[in-house]
């Protein structure tokens, strides 16, 4: 963050000397992102706003009917890596800030981890300001690969971070470098980044679907955004296959709204890379309908790859 402040100090000097090194809009955006002022500092020392917001993606399951963007023929397709999203900010070719995705508006500062490793280039041949967004991933052979990658970003020790078996794959850049998304990824490759276009990624790293995006950047921008995701891109997923295990008990838990929900206690079973021992049973009527009893074999899957749920009894 100090590097960004130093850069803005220099930009201010050059501006008043009559030879600005960045535009007013770039200066204002960058200054706002760190709460820059002559004596000021960011409101939160360990978090900072992204230069460009990191939106989430609309999810579409292949059994849900017509996919989004049916009228757009020129769409790119890349694997949706299952890791931890990060934004990297470069000013005149120098990496000055790295943030976790956080809530998409601001993220945790992890700059030192990226400055002190060879995970990404710290110098690139590009003038001005760009934000490179991407995914930090661990290979499939690592147990709980997604948590392993996300956990690496939360480590206090840079030395320990260096020991982690992780890689960074870029999946976006702002401002755009070319007219098309796929060309932007190729440009990032030339700048020294691994990208989601790299070959055989899904064979080595965990994925949870495919990402489809309107390839032309101008068309993508015209579609705009909702409050949560861009309208010009979506993540396509398949319903995960279920696994079988044994129902050991049923517990009732009270949610924040006061709603009481039955939870299945299960013989632990692996679903993907997660060990599942609890799953939702929806409600009491669901249990009656399936005629579930302790000791029954049940089919379980992770709904939306996140929440484990009991689907049915296995006869």
C-alpha atoms as a PDB file:
ATOM      1  CA  UNK A   1       0.000   0.000   0.000  1.00  0.00           C
ATOM      2  CA  UNK A   2       2.933   2.369   0.727  1.00  0.00           C
ATOM      3  CA  UNK A   3       4.041   1.898  -2.875  1.00  0.00           C
ATOM      4  CA  UNK A   4       0.670   3.147  -4.095  1.00  0.00           C
ATOM      5  CA  UNK A   5       0.917   6.174  -1.789  1.00  0.00           C
ATOM      6  CA  UNK A   6       4.456   6.867  -3.018  1.00  0.00           C
ATOM      7  CA  UNK A   7       3.247   6.668  -6.602  1.00  0.00           C
ATOM      8  CA  UNK A   8       0.359   9.072  -5.902  1.00  0.00           C
ATOM      9  CA  UNK A   9       2.766  11.462  -4.172  1.00  0.00           C
ATOM     10  CA  UNK A  10       4.922  11.455  -7.309  1.00  0.00           C
ATOM     11  CA  UNK A  11       1.844  11.792  -9.548  1.00  0.00           C
ATOM     12  CA  UNK A  12       0.781  14.858  -7.550  1.00  0.00           C
ATOM     13  CA  UNK A  13       4.218  16.441  -7.941  1.00  0.00           C
ATOM     14  CA  UNK A  14       4.239  15.809 -11.691  1.00  0.00           C
ATOM     15  CA  UNK A  15       0.677  17.073 -12.040  1.00  0.00           C
ATOM     16  CA  UNK A  16       1.455  20.406 -10.428  1.00  0.00           C
ATOM     17  CA  UNK A  17       4.690  20.588 -12.421  1.00  0.00           C
ATOM     18  CA  UNK A  18       2.586  20.468 -15.573  1.00  0.00           C
ATOM     19  CA  UNK A  19       3.635  16.972 -16.731  1.00  0.00           C
ATOM     20  CA  UNK A  20       0.999  14.508 -15.418  1.00  0.00           C
ATOM     21  CA  UNK A  21       1.954  10.829 -15.574  1.00  0.00           C
ATOM     22  CA  UNK A  22      -1.631   9.493 -15.263  1.00  0.00           C
ATOM     23  CA  UNK A  23      -5.078  10.884 -16.069  1.00  0.00           C
ATOM     24  CA  UNK A  24      -7.247  12.645 -13.486  1.00  0.00           C
ATOM     25  CA  UNK A  25      -9.715   9.734 -13.564  1.00  0.00           C
ATOM     26  CA  UNK A  26      -6.958   7.205 -12.891  1.00  0.00           C
ATOM     27  CA  UNK A  27      -5.600   9.333 -10.064  1.00  0.00           C
ATOM     28  CA  UNK A  28      -9.033   9.755  -8.444  1.00  0.00           C
ATOM     29  CA  UNK A  29      -9.855   6.051  -8.696  1.00  0.00           C
ATOM     30  CA  UNK A  30      -6.507   4.973  -7.289  1.00  0.00           C
ATOM     31  CA  UNK A  31      -6.602   7.591  -4.514  1.00  0.00           C
ATOM     32  CA  UNK A  32     -10.118   6.556  -3.498  1.00  0.00           C
ATOM     33  CA  UNK A  33      -9.107   2.888  -3.434  1.00  0.00           C
ATOM     34  CA  UNK A  34      -6.631   3.481  -0.577  1.00  0.00           C
ATOM     35  CA  UNK A  35      -8.220   6.537   1.069  1.00  0.00           C
ATOM     36  CA  UNK A  36      -5.287   8.666  -0.129  1.00  0.00           C
ATOM     37  CA  UNK A  37      -4.806  12.217   1.203  1.00  0.00           C
ATOM     38  CA  UNK A  38      -1.891  14.333   2.406  1.00  0.00           C
ATOM     39  CA  UNK A  39      -2.221  13.032   5.969  1.00  0.00           C
ATOM     40  CA  UNK A  40      -4.808  10.309   5.553  1.00  0.00           C
ATOM     41  CA  UNK A  41      -4.660   6.534   5.553  1.00  0.00           C
ATOM     42  CA  UNK A  42      -6.985   3.686   4.608  1.00  0.00           C
ATOM     43  CA  UNK A  43      -9.826   3.147   7.038  1.00  0.00           C
ATOM     44  CA  UNK A  44      -8.917  -0.509   7.584  1.00  0.00           C
ATOM     45  CA  UNK A  45      -5.254  -1.360   7.781  1.00  0.00           C
ATOM     46  CA  UNK A  46      -5.622  -4.957   6.633  1.00  0.00           C
ATOM     47  CA  UNK A  47      -8.216  -4.476   3.876  1.00  0.00           C
ATOM     48  CA  UNK A  48      -8.457  -2.242   0.850  1.00  0.00           C
ATOM     49  CA  UNK A  49     -10.928  -1.658  -2.021  1.00  0.00           C
ATOM     50  CA  UNK A  50     -10.197  -3.284  -5.366  1.00  0.00           C
ATOM     51  CA  UNK A  51      -9.244  -0.863  -8.122  1.00  0.00           C
ATOM     52  CA  UNK A  52     -11.967  -2.570 -10.187  1.00  0.00           C
ATOM     53  CA  UNK A  53     -14.743  -4.502  -8.459  1.00  0.00           C
ATOM     54  CA  UNK A  54     -14.524  -8.305  -8.562  1.00  0.00           C
ATOM     55  CA  UNK A  55     -18.012  -9.554  -9.396  1.00  0.00           C
ATOM     56  CA  UNK A  56     -19.212 -13.095  -8.802  1.00  0.00           C
ATOM     57  CA  UNK A  57     -20.664 -15.153 -11.661  1.00  0.00           C
ATOM     58  CA  UNK A  58     -24.256 -16.177 -12.287  1.00  0.00           C
ATOM     59  CA  UNK A  59     -24.536 -19.964 -12.006  1.00  0.00           C
ATOM     60  CA  UNK A  60     -26.356 -22.086 -14.545  1.00  0.00           C
ATOM     61  CA  UNK A  61     -26.909 -25.846 -14.256  1.00  0.00           C
ATOM     62  CA  UNK A  62     -27.183 -27.836 -17.458  1.00  0.00           C
ATOM     63  CA  UNK A  63     -30.558 -29.287 -16.448  1.00  0.00           C
ATOM     64  CA  UNK A  64     -32.154 -25.858 -15.979  1.00  0.00           C
ATOM     65  CA  UNK A  65     -33.289 -25.295 -19.565  1.00  0.00           C
ATOM     66  CA  UNK A  66     -31.966 -22.577 -21.863  1.00  0.00           C
ATOM     67  CA  UNK A  67     -28.545 -21.233 -20.907  1.00  0.00           C
ATOM     68  CA  UNK A  68     -27.989 -17.478 -20.469  1.00  0.00           C
ATOM     69  CA  UNK A  69     -26.808 -15.394 -23.452  1.00  0.00           C
ATOM     70  CA  UNK A  70     -28.526 -17.533 -26.136  1.00  0.00           C
ATOM     71  CA  UNK A  71     -28.272 -14.711 -28.712  1.00  0.00           C
ATOM     72  CA  UNK A  72     -24.516 -14.280 -28.421  1.00  0.00           C
ATOM     73  CA  UNK A  73     -22.616 -16.642 -30.707  1.00  0.00           C
ATOM     74  CA  UNK A  74     -19.154 -15.200 -30.031  1.00  0.00           C
ATOM     75  CA  UNK A  75     -18.565 -16.521 -26.519  1.00  0.00           C
ATOM     76  CA  UNK A  76     -15.350 -17.698 -24.925  1.00  0.00           C
ATOM     77  CA  UNK A  77     -15.172 -20.832 -22.790  1.00  0.00           C
ATOM     78  CA  UNK A  78     -12.618 -21.362 -20.028  1.00  0.00           C
ATOM     79  CA  UNK A  79     -12.450 -23.742 -17.049  1.00  0.00           C
ATOM     80  CA  UNK A  80     -13.821 -22.438 -13.756  1.00  0.00           C
ATOM     81  CA  UNK A  81     -10.916 -23.149 -11.451  1.00  0.00           C
ATOM     82  CA  UNK A  82     -11.829 -23.983  -7.861  1.00  0.00           C
ATOM     83  CA  UNK A  83      -9.420 -21.920  -5.791  1.00  0.00           C
ATOM     84  CA  UNK A  84      -9.217 -18.474  -4.225  1.00  0.00           C
ATOM     85  CA  UNK A  85      -9.655 -15.297  -6.282  1.00  0.00           C
ATOM     86  CA  UNK A  86      -7.084 -12.508  -6.076  1.00  0.00           C
ATOM     87  CA  UNK A  87      -6.641  -9.104  -7.726  1.00  0.00           C
ATOM     88  CA  UNK A  88      -3.178  -7.770  -8.611  1.00  0.00           C
ATOM     89  CA  UNK A  89      -2.638  -4.052  -9.186  1.00  0.00           C
ATOM     90  CA  UNK A  90       0.213  -2.845 -11.386  1.00  0.00           C
ATOM     91  CA  UNK A  91       1.282   0.775 -11.730  1.00  0.00           C
ATOM     92  CA  UNK A  92       3.629   1.550 -14.625  1.00  0.00           C
ATOM     93  CA  UNK A  93       4.655  -2.081 -14.756  1.00  0.00           C
ATOM     94  CA  UNK A  94       5.277  -2.618 -11.032  1.00  0.00           C
ATOM     95  CA  UNK A  95       3.159  -4.813  -8.769  1.00  0.00           C
ATOM     96  CA  UNK A  96       2.002  -2.511  -5.968  1.00  0.00           C
ATOM     97  CA  UNK A  97      -0.938  -4.357  -4.434  1.00  0.00           C
ATOM     98  CA  UNK A  98      -2.450  -7.837  -4.106  1.00  0.00           C
ATOM     99  CA  UNK A  99      -5.872  -8.387  -2.528  1.00  0.00           C
ATOM    100  CA  UNK A 100      -8.022 -11.423  -1.834  1.00  0.00           C
ATOM    101  CA  UNK A 101     -11.476 -11.232  -3.384  1.00  0.00           C
ATOM    102  CA  UNK A 102     -13.162 -10.476  -0.051  1.00  0.00           C
ATOM    103  CA  UNK A 103     -16.698  -9.248  -0.721  1.00  0.00           C
ATOM    104  CA  UNK A 104     -15.775  -8.196  -4.245  1.00  0.00           C
ATOM    105  CA  UNK A 105     -15.617  -4.528  -3.267  1.00  0.00           C
ATOM    106  CA  UNK A 106     -12.639  -4.789  -0.935  1.00  0.00           C
ATOM    107  CA  UNK A 107     -10.310  -7.589   0.051  1.00  0.00           C
ATOM    108  CA  UNK A 108      -7.542  -8.508   2.452  1.00  0.00           C
ATOM    109  CA  UNK A 109      -4.105  -7.110   1.635  1.00  0.00           C
ATOM    110  CA  UNK A 110      -1.688  -9.927   0.745  1.00  0.00           C
ATOM    111  CA  UNK A 111       0.827  -7.878  -1.217  1.00  0.00           C
ATOM    112  CA  UNK A 112       3.974  -9.068   0.559  1.00  0.00           C
ATOM    113  CA  UNK A 113       3.190 -12.694  -0.225  1.00  0.00           C
ATOM    114  CA  UNK A 114       3.200 -11.948  -3.955  1.00  0.00           C
ATOM    115  CA  UNK A 115       6.187  -9.606  -3.874  1.00  0.00           C
ATOM    116  CA  UNK A 116       8.346 -12.211  -2.162  1.00  0.00           C
ATOM    117  CA  UNK A 117       7.546 -15.240  -4.321  1.00  0.00           C
ATOM    118  CA  UNK A 118       7.678 -16.147  -8.013  1.00  0.00           C
ATOM    119  CA  UNK A 119       3.945 -16.812  -8.134  1.00  0.00           C
ATOM    120  CA  UNK A 120       3.339 -13.834 -10.477  1.00  0.00           C
ATOM    121  CA  UNK A 121       5.572 -11.352 -12.289  1.00  0.00           C
ATOM    122  CA  UNK A 122       6.370  -8.351 -10.084  1.00  0.00           C
ATOM    123  CA  UNK A 123       7.468  -6.327 -13.124  1.00  0.00           C
ATOM    124  CA  UNK A 124       5.660  -6.229 -16.474  1.00  0.00           C
ATOM    125  CA  UNK A 125       6.151  -4.181 -19.628  1.00  0.00           C
ATOM    126  CA  UNK A 126       3.021  -2.057 -19.324  1.00  0.00           C
ATOM    127  CA  UNK A 127       2.561   1.651 -18.653  1.00  0.00           C
ATOM    128  CA  UNK A 128      -0.327   3.023 -16.627  1.00  0.00           C
ATOM    129  CA  UNK A 129      -2.589   1.159 -14.190  1.00  0.00           C
ATOM    130  CA  UNK A 130      -4.072  -2.301 -14.700  1.00  0.00           C
ATOM    131  CA  UNK A 131      -5.733  -4.805 -12.410  1.00  0.00           C
ATOM    132  CA  UNK A 132      -5.124  -8.468 -13.214  1.00  0.00           C
ATOM    133  CA  UNK A 133      -7.677 -10.836 -11.675  1.00  0.00           C
ATOM    134  CA  UNK A 134      -7.100 -14.535 -11.265  1.00  0.00           C
ATOM    135  CA  UNK A 135      -7.326 -17.686  -9.185  1.00  0.00           C
ATOM    136  CA  UNK A 136      -4.798 -19.125  -6.759  1.00  0.00           C
ATOM    137  CA  UNK A 137      -5.090 -22.912  -7.017  1.00  0.00           C
ATOM    138  CA  UNK A 138      -3.570 -26.037  -5.539  1.00  0.00           C
ATOM    139  CA  UNK A 139      -3.212 -29.266  -7.571  1.00  0.00           C
ATOM    140  CA  UNK A 140      -5.857 -31.963  -7.315  1.00  0.00           C
ATOM    141  CA  UNK A 141      -3.545 -34.295  -5.427  1.00  0.00           C
ATOM    142  CA  UNK A 142      -3.536 -31.883  -2.465  1.00  0.00           C
ATOM    143  CA  UNK A 143      -6.216 -32.822   0.070  1.00  0.00           C
ATOM    144  CA  UNK A 144      -8.978 -30.192   0.308  1.00  0.00           C
ATOM    145  CA  UNK A 145      -7.234 -28.282  -2.486  1.00  0.00           C
ATOM    146  CA  UNK A 146      -9.524 -25.238  -2.409  1.00  0.00           C
ATOM    147  CA  UNK A 147      -9.189 -24.728   1.350  1.00  0.00           C
ATOM    148  CA  UNK A 148      -5.443 -25.300   1.051  1.00  0.00           C
ATOM    149  CA  UNK A 149      -5.150 -22.487  -1.525  1.00  0.00           C
ATOM    150  CA  UNK A 150      -7.389 -20.087   0.404  1.00  0.00           C
ATOM    151  CA  UNK A 151      -5.574 -20.932   3.633  1.00  0.00           C
ATOM    152  CA  UNK A 152      -2.242 -20.039   2.050  1.00  0.00           C
ATOM    153  CA  UNK A 153      -3.464 -16.479   1.491  1.00  0.00           C
ATOM    154  CA  UNK A 154      -4.360 -16.176   5.172  1.00  0.00           C
ATOM    155  CA  UNK A 155      -0.986 -17.313   6.468  1.00  0.00           C
ATOM    156  CA  UNK A 156       0.885 -14.737   8.552  1.00  0.00           C
ATOM    157  CA  UNK A 157       4.283 -16.076   7.521  1.00  0.00           C
ATOM    158  CA  UNK A 158       5.549 -15.250   4.025  1.00  0.00           C
ATOM    159  CA  UNK A 159       8.165 -17.992   4.457  1.00  0.00           C
ATOM    160  CA  UNK A 160       5.430 -20.574   5.058  1.00  0.00           C
ATOM    161  CA  UNK A 161       3.463 -19.160   2.115  1.00  0.00           C
ATOM    162  CA  UNK A 162       6.464 -19.883  -0.115  1.00  0.00           C
ATOM    163  CA  UNK A 163       6.269 -23.578   0.784  1.00  0.00           C
ATOM    164  CA  UNK A 164       2.694 -23.960  -0.434  1.00  0.00           C
ATOM    165  CA  UNK A 165       2.111 -25.918  -3.632  1.00  0.00           C
ATOM    166  CA  UNK A 166       0.004 -23.280  -5.398  1.00  0.00           C
ATOM    167  CA  UNK A 167      -0.165 -21.450  -8.724  1.00  0.00           C
ATOM    168  CA  UNK A 168      -1.860 -18.268  -9.993  1.00  0.00           C
ATOM    169  CA  UNK A 169      -3.917 -18.270 -13.209  1.00  0.00           C
ATOM    170  CA  UNK A 170      -5.151 -14.958 -14.607  1.00  0.00           C
ATOM    171  CA  UNK A 171      -8.741 -14.823 -15.881  1.00  0.00           C
ATOM    172  CA  UNK A 172      -9.248 -11.103 -16.487  1.00  0.00           C
ATOM    173  CA  UNK A 173      -7.710  -7.653 -16.785  1.00  0.00           C
ATOM    174  CA  UNK A 174      -8.997  -4.086 -16.394  1.00  0.00           C
ATOM    175  CA  UNK A 175      -8.744  -1.831 -18.291  1.00  0.00           C
ATOM    176  CA  UNK A 176      -8.854  -4.173 -21.276  1.00  0.00           C
ATOM    177  CA  UNK A 177      -5.676  -4.651 -23.276  1.00  0.00           C
ATOM    178  CA  UNK A 178      -7.378  -5.581 -26.567  1.00  0.00           C
ATOM    179  CA  UNK A 179     -10.837  -5.699 -28.117  1.00  0.00           C
ATOM    180  CA  UNK A 180     -11.577  -9.299 -27.092  1.00  0.00           C
ATOM    181  CA  UNK A 181     -11.384 -11.283 -23.880  1.00  0.00           C
ATOM    182  CA  UNK A 182      -9.451 -14.185 -25.381  1.00  0.00           C
ATOM    183  CA  UNK A 183      -6.946 -11.761 -26.871  1.00  0.00           C
ATOM    184  CA  UNK A 184      -6.580 -10.136 -23.439  1.00  0.00           C
ATOM    185  CA  UNK A 185      -5.624 -13.520 -21.993  1.00  0.00           C
ATOM    186  CA  UNK A 186      -3.055 -13.975 -24.748  1.00  0.00           C
ATOM    187  CA  UNK A 187      -1.673 -10.515 -23.968  1.00  0.00           C
ATOM    188  CA  UNK A 188      -1.416 -11.443 -20.272  1.00  0.00           C
ATOM    189  CA  UNK A 189       0.436 -14.593 -21.295  1.00  0.00           C
ATOM    190  CA  UNK A 190       2.976 -12.446 -23.155  1.00  0.00           C
ATOM    191  CA  UNK A 191       3.371 -10.315 -20.024  1.00  0.00           C
ATOM    192  CA  UNK A 192       4.416 -13.401 -18.074  1.00  0.00           C
ATOM    193  CA  UNK A 193       1.184 -14.672 -16.494  1.00  0.00           C
ATOM    194  CA  UNK A 194      -0.214 -18.166 -16.498  1.00  0.00           C
ATOM    195  CA  UNK A 195      -3.857 -17.917 -17.584  1.00  0.00           C
ATOM    196  CA  UNK A 196      -7.041 -19.975 -17.655  1.00  0.00           C
ATOM    197  CA  UNK A 197      -6.295 -20.602 -21.339  1.00  0.00           C
ATOM    198  CA  UNK A 198      -3.302 -22.771 -20.416  1.00  0.00           C
ATOM    199  CA  UNK A 199      -3.617 -26.352 -21.627  1.00  0.00           C
ATOM    200  CA  UNK A 200      -4.703 -29.296 -19.486  1.00  0.00           C
ATOM    201  CA  UNK A 201      -5.585 -27.176 -16.453  1.00  0.00           C
ATOM    202  CA  UNK A 202      -8.645 -29.278 -15.603  1.00  0.00           C
ATOM    203  CA  UNK A 203      -6.463 -32.404 -15.520  1.00  0.00           C
ATOM    204  CA  UNK A 204      -4.135 -30.938 -12.897  1.00  0.00           C
ATOM    205  CA  UNK A 205      -6.232 -28.471 -10.888  1.00  0.00           C
ATOM    206  CA  UNK A 206      -9.748 -28.803  -9.426  1.00  0.00           C
ATOM    207  CA  UNK A 207     -12.538 -27.159 -11.399  1.00  0.00           C
ATOM    208  CA  UNK A 208     -16.214 -26.631 -10.665  1.00  0.00           C
ATOM    209  CA  UNK A 209     -17.625 -25.938 -14.102  1.00  0.00           C
ATOM    210  CA  UNK A 210     -17.009 -23.829 -17.181  1.00  0.00           C
ATOM    211  CA  UNK A 211     -17.084 -20.055 -17.609  1.00  0.00           C
ATOM    212  CA  UNK A 212     -18.799 -18.632 -20.690  1.00  0.00           C
ATOM    213  CA  UNK A 213     -18.252 -14.949 -21.505  1.00  0.00           C
ATOM    214  CA  UNK A 214     -19.210 -12.634 -24.341  1.00  0.00           C
ATOM    215  CA  UNK A 215     -15.859 -12.413 -26.075  1.00  0.00           C
ATOM    216  CA  UNK A 216     -16.073  -8.874 -27.439  1.00  0.00           C
ATOM    217  CA  UNK A 217     -15.251  -6.515 -24.578  1.00  0.00           C
ATOM    218  CA  UNK A 218     -17.422  -3.656 -25.872  1.00  0.00           C
ATOM    219  CA  UNK A 219     -20.436  -5.987 -26.155  1.00  0.00           C
ATOM    220  CA  UNK A 220     -19.689  -7.315 -22.668  1.00  0.00           C
ATOM    221  CA  UNK A 221     -19.717  -3.795 -21.227  1.00  0.00           C
ATOM    222  CA  UNK A 222     -22.961  -2.892 -23.007  1.00  0.00           C
ATOM    223  CA  UNK A 223     -24.708  -5.766 -21.196  1.00  0.00           C
ATOM    224  CA  UNK A 224     -23.694  -4.236 -17.862  1.00  0.00           C
ATOM    225  CA  UNK A 225     -23.967  -5.764 -14.398  1.00  0.00           C
ATOM    226  CA  UNK A 226     -26.519  -6.596 -11.766  1.00  0.00           C
ATOM    227  CA  UNK A 227     -25.626  -5.764  -8.172  1.00  0.00           C
ATOM    228  CA  UNK A 228     -23.845  -9.124  -7.946  1.00  0.00           C
ATOM    229  CA  UNK A 229     -22.657 -10.346 -11.321  1.00  0.00           C
ATOM    230  CA  UNK A 230     -21.962  -9.332 -14.942  1.00  0.00           C
ATOM    231  CA  UNK A 231     -24.722 -10.028 -17.435  1.00  0.00           C
ATOM    232  CA  UNK A 232     -22.198 -10.969 -20.087  1.00  0.00           C
ATOM    233  CA  UNK A 233     -20.783 -14.054 -18.381  1.00  0.00           C
ATOM    234  CA  UNK A 234     -21.916 -17.070 -16.402  1.00  0.00           C
ATOM    235  CA  UNK A 235     -20.617 -20.262 -14.812  1.00  0.00           C
ATOM    236  CA  UNK A 236     -22.053 -23.490 -16.201  1.00  0.00           C
ATOM    237  CA  UNK A 237     -22.141 -26.422 -13.804  1.00  0.00           C
ATOM    238  CA  UNK A 238     -23.386 -29.976 -13.745  1.00  0.00           C
ATOM    239  CA  UNK A 239     -25.303 -31.516 -10.877  1.00  0.00           C
ATOM    240  CA  UNK A 240     -22.824 -33.512  -8.877  1.00  0.00           C
ATOM    241  CA  UNK A 241     -23.345 -37.252  -8.693  1.00  0.00           C
ATOM    242  CA  UNK A 242     -24.435 -38.516  -5.316  1.00  0.00           C
ATOM    243  CA  UNK A 243     -22.574 -40.809  -2.964  1.00  0.00           C
ATOM    244  CA  UNK A 244     -24.054 -43.362  -0.585  1.00  0.00           C
ATOM    245  CA  UNK A 245     -23.606 -43.440   3.184  1.00  0.00           C
ATOM    246  CA  UNK A 246     -25.482 -44.395   6.367  1.00  0.00           C
ATOM    247  CA  UNK A 247     -27.855 -42.218   8.386  1.00  0.00           C
ATOM    248  CA  UNK A 248     -26.639 -42.397  12.008  1.00  0.00           C
ATOM    249  CA  UNK A 249     -28.888 -39.825  13.693  1.00  0.00           C
ATOM    250  CA  UNK A 250     -31.004 -36.708  13.167  1.00  0.00           C
ATOM    251  CA  UNK A 251     -30.398 -33.436  14.968  1.00  0.00           C
ATOM    252  CA  UNK A 252     -32.604 -30.365  14.922  1.00  0.00           C
ATOM    253  CA  UNK A 253     -30.934 -26.991  14.576  1.00  0.00           C
ATOM    254  CA  UNK A 254     -32.384 -23.507  14.946  1.00  0.00           C
ATOM    255  CA  UNK A 255     -31.414 -20.986  12.270  1.00  0.00           C
ATOM    256  CA  UNK A 256     -30.972 -17.231  12.691  1.00  0.00           C
ATOM    257  CA  UNK A 257     -34.600 -16.677  11.671  1.00  0.00           C
ATOM    258  CA  UNK A 258     -35.810 -19.151  14.304  1.00  0.00           C
ATOM    259  CA  UNK A 259     -36.618 -21.819  11.730  1.00  0.00           C
ATOM    260  CA  UNK A 260     -35.990 -25.365  12.983  1.00  0.00           C
ATOM    261  CA  UNK A 261     -34.338 -27.667  10.415  1.00  0.00           C
ATOM    262  CA  UNK A 262     -33.471 -31.378  10.644  1.00  0.00           C
ATOM    263  CA  UNK A 263     -29.839 -32.270  10.015  1.00  0.00           C
ATOM    264  CA  UNK A 264     -28.677 -35.774   9.104  1.00  0.00           C
ATOM    265  CA  UNK A 265     -25.675 -37.141  11.010  1.00  0.00           C
ATOM    266  CA  UNK A 266     -23.899 -39.458   8.603  1.00  0.00           C
ATOM    267  CA  UNK A 267     -21.077 -41.944   8.423  1.00  0.00           C
ATOM    268  CA  UNK A 268     -18.349 -39.615   7.056  1.00  0.00           C
ATOM    269  CA  UNK A 269     -17.953 -39.852   3.278  1.00  0.00           C
ATOM    270  CA  UNK A 270     -15.877 -37.980   0.691  1.00  0.00           C
ATOM    271  CA  UNK A 271     -17.793 -35.858  -1.824  1.00  0.00           C
ATOM    272  CA  UNK A 272     -15.286 -34.324  -4.187  1.00  0.00           C
ATOM    273  CA  UNK A 273     -12.458 -33.194  -1.925  1.00  0.00           C
ATOM    274  CA  UNK A 274     -14.631 -32.583   1.157  1.00  0.00           C
ATOM    275  CA  UNK A 275     -15.327 -35.034   3.987  1.00  0.00           C
ATOM    276  CA  UNK A 276     -19.062 -34.830   4.699  1.00  0.00           C
ATOM    277  CA  UNK A 277     -20.617 -36.038   7.967  1.00  0.00           C
ATOM    278  CA  UNK A 278     -23.704 -33.768   8.143  1.00  0.00           C
ATOM    279  CA  UNK A 279     -26.346 -32.895   5.551  1.00  0.00           C
ATOM    280  CA  UNK A 280     -29.642 -31.046   5.455  1.00  0.00           C
ATOM    281  CA  UNK A 281     -32.921 -32.981   5.513  1.00  0.00           C
ATOM    282  CA  UNK A 282     -34.961 -29.905   4.503  1.00  0.00           C
ATOM    283  CA  UNK A 283     -37.901 -30.358   6.938  1.00  0.00           C
ATOM    284  CA  UNK A 284     -39.877 -32.890   8.909  1.00  0.00           C
ATOM    285  CA  UNK A 285     -42.254 -33.569   6.028  1.00  0.00           C
ATOM    286  CA  UNK A 286     -39.295 -34.541   3.829  1.00  0.00           C
ATOM    287  CA  UNK A 287     -38.270 -37.188   6.396  1.00  0.00           C
ATOM    288  CA  UNK A 288     -41.816 -38.583   6.520  1.00  0.00           C
ATOM    289  CA  UNK A 289     -42.155 -38.639   2.731  1.00  0.00           C
ATOM    290  CA  UNK A 290     -38.951 -40.652   2.334  1.00  0.00           C
ATOM    291  CA  UNK A 291     -39.765 -42.791   5.386  1.00  0.00           C
ATOM    292  CA  UNK A 292     -36.218 -42.291   6.620  1.00  0.00           C
ATOM    293  CA  UNK A 293     -35.057 -44.285   9.627  1.00  0.00           C
ATOM    294  CA  UNK A 294     -31.798 -44.483  11.564  1.00  0.00           C
ATOM    295  CA  UNK A 295     -29.506 -46.986   9.875  1.00  0.00           C
ATOM    296  CA  UNK A 296     -30.913 -46.396   6.375  1.00  0.00           C
ATOM    297  CA  UNK A 297     -28.550 -46.025   3.443  1.00  0.00           C
ATOM    298  CA  UNK A 298     -29.031 -42.596   1.883  1.00  0.00           C
ATOM    299  CA  UNK A 299     -27.857 -40.732  -1.229  1.00  0.00           C
ATOM    300  CA  UNK A 300     -26.048 -37.476  -0.482  1.00  0.00           C
ATOM    301  CA  UNK A 301     -24.656 -34.750  -2.700  1.00  0.00           C
ATOM    302  CA  UNK A 302     -23.337 -31.216  -2.306  1.00  0.00           C
ATOM    303  CA  UNK A 303     -26.040 -28.884  -3.638  1.00  0.00           C
ATOM    304  CA  UNK A 304     -24.394 -26.244  -5.794  1.00  0.00           C
ATOM    305  CA  UNK A 305     -21.095 -27.863  -4.735  1.00  0.00           C
ATOM    306  CA  UNK A 306     -21.459 -26.258  -1.292  1.00  0.00           C
ATOM    307  CA  UNK A 307     -24.282 -27.444   0.975  1.00  0.00           C
ATOM    308  CA  UNK A 308     -24.540 -31.242   1.525  1.00  0.00           C
ATOM    309  CA  UNK A 309     -28.094 -32.551   1.229  1.00  0.00           C
ATOM    310  CA  UNK A 310     -29.802 -35.918   1.521  1.00  0.00           C
ATOM    311  CA  UNK A 311     -31.533 -36.747  -1.760  1.00  0.00           C
ATOM    312  CA  UNK A 312     -33.319 -40.025  -1.077  1.00  0.00           C
ATOM    313  CA  UNK A 313     -33.144 -43.421   0.563  1.00  0.00           C
ATOM    314  CA  UNK A 314     -31.099 -46.085  -1.190  1.00  0.00           C
ATOM    315  CA  UNK A 315     -33.212 -49.242  -1.280  1.00  0.00           C
END
